[in-house]
Protein backbone atom coordinates (compact mmCIF):
# COMPACT_ATOMS: atom_id res chain seq x y z
CA UNK A 1 120.13 -104.57 45.50
CA UNK A 2 120.99 -102.19 48.88
CA UNK A 3 119.57 -99.11 48.84
CA UNK A 4 121.43 -96.79 51.22
CA UNK A 5 118.79 -94.25 51.79
CA UNK A 6 121.06 -91.82 53.58
CA UNK A 7 122.78 -90.40 50.87
CA UNK A 8 121.16 -88.85 48.31
CA UNK A 9 119.69 -91.69 45.07
CA UNK A 10 121.66 -89.42 42.13
CA UNK A 11 118.06 -89.46 39.41
CA UNK A 12 118.03 -87.91 35.70
CA UNK A 13 116.35 -84.92 36.04
CA UNK A 14 114.05 -83.78 32.57
CA UNK A 15 110.91 -85.11 31.07
CA UNK A 16 110.54 -88.38 29.50
CA UNK A 17 110.04 -87.98 25.64
CA UNK A 18 106.31 -89.74 26.19
CA UNK A 19 105.61 -86.77 27.78
CA UNK A 20 106.53 -83.98 25.58
CA UNK A 21 104.52 -86.35 22.64
CA UNK A 22 101.77 -86.10 24.57
CA UNK A 23 101.64 -82.25 25.57
CA UNK A 24 102.04 -81.66 21.80
CA UNK A 25 99.42 -83.61 21.60
CA UNK A 26 96.59 -81.58 22.91
CA UNK A 27 97.91 -78.49 22.05
CA UNK A 28 97.71 -80.25 18.47
CA UNK A 29 94.16 -81.01 19.19
CA UNK A 30 93.30 -77.03 20.83
CA UNK A 31 95.18 -75.45 18.37
CA UNK A 32 92.60 -77.81 15.39
CA UNK A 33 89.63 -77.26 17.16
CA UNK A 34 89.92 -73.26 18.10
CA UNK A 35 90.20 -73.64 14.55
CA UNK A 36 86.82 -74.79 13.35
CA UNK A 37 85.75 -73.29 15.59
CA UNK A 38 86.99 -69.15 13.99
CA UNK A 39 85.40 -70.68 10.74
CA UNK A 40 81.58 -69.30 10.43
CA UNK A 41 78.84 -71.85 9.19
CA UNK A 42 76.85 -70.92 6.29
CA UNK A 43 74.09 -71.46 8.85
CA UNK A 44 75.71 -68.37 11.34
CA UNK A 45 76.17 -66.30 7.50
CA UNK A 46 72.43 -66.82 7.28
CA UNK A 47 71.41 -65.91 10.49
CA UNK A 48 74.00 -63.28 10.84
CA UNK A 49 72.48 -61.50 7.15
CA UNK A 50 69.10 -62.26 8.57
CA UNK A 51 69.24 -60.51 11.74
CA UNK A 52 70.66 -57.14 9.81
CA UNK A 53 68.62 -57.09 6.78
CA UNK A 54 66.17 -54.60 7.35
CA UNK A 55 63.07 -55.02 4.98
CA UNK A 56 62.56 -58.54 6.20
CA UNK A 57 60.38 -56.31 9.52
CA UNK A 58 56.61 -57.15 9.66
CA UNK A 59 54.26 -54.52 9.90
CA UNK A 60 52.33 -54.13 13.17
CA UNK A 61 48.91 -52.36 13.31
CA UNK A 62 46.74 -51.76 16.11
CA UNK A 63 44.97 -54.15 18.25
CA UNK A 64 41.77 -53.99 20.33
CA UNK A 65 42.49 -54.02 24.07
CA UNK A 66 41.00 -57.19 25.35
CA UNK A 67 38.13 -57.37 27.22
CA UNK A 68 36.64 -59.46 29.78
CA UNK A 69 32.71 -60.49 31.09
CA UNK A 70 32.35 -61.51 34.27
CA UNK A 71 29.71 -63.38 35.26
CA UNK A 72 27.76 -63.65 37.98
CA UNK A 73 28.92 -66.83 41.00
CA UNK A 74 26.51 -69.36 42.54
CA UNK A 75 25.90 -69.00 46.87
CA UNK A 76 27.28 -72.53 47.96
CA UNK A 77 24.33 -74.36 49.87
CA UNK A 78 25.15 -75.63 53.51
CA UNK A 79 24.99 -78.65 53.69
CA UNK A 80 23.86 -80.51 56.71
CA UNK A 81 27.13 -83.12 58.30
CA UNK A 82 27.42 -84.21 61.84
CA UNK A 83 31.13 -83.49 62.26
CA UNK A 84 32.38 -86.15 65.14
CA UNK A 85 32.18 -84.56 68.08
CA UNK A 86 29.55 -81.45 67.58
CA UNK A 87 30.01 -78.79 65.20
CA UNK A 88 32.70 -77.22 63.38
């Protein structure tokens, strides 16, 4: 079969049914994911309740300031090391 490239080919414009089905499937997955993510979990509810309750705040008492003792350092003793080529 020969095609004449000088004459425009008539093609059907529109979406195939498989494309529409794939778009619909993606939208359904997104809607399902959105619905699942919007529901609060029991762990999140207890965390919010624990965060909002003011009865669980611990009372902190004052602590003493840390003291630091400094020990004297020992002076290094010179050694007689012979360096090649003279003193360093």
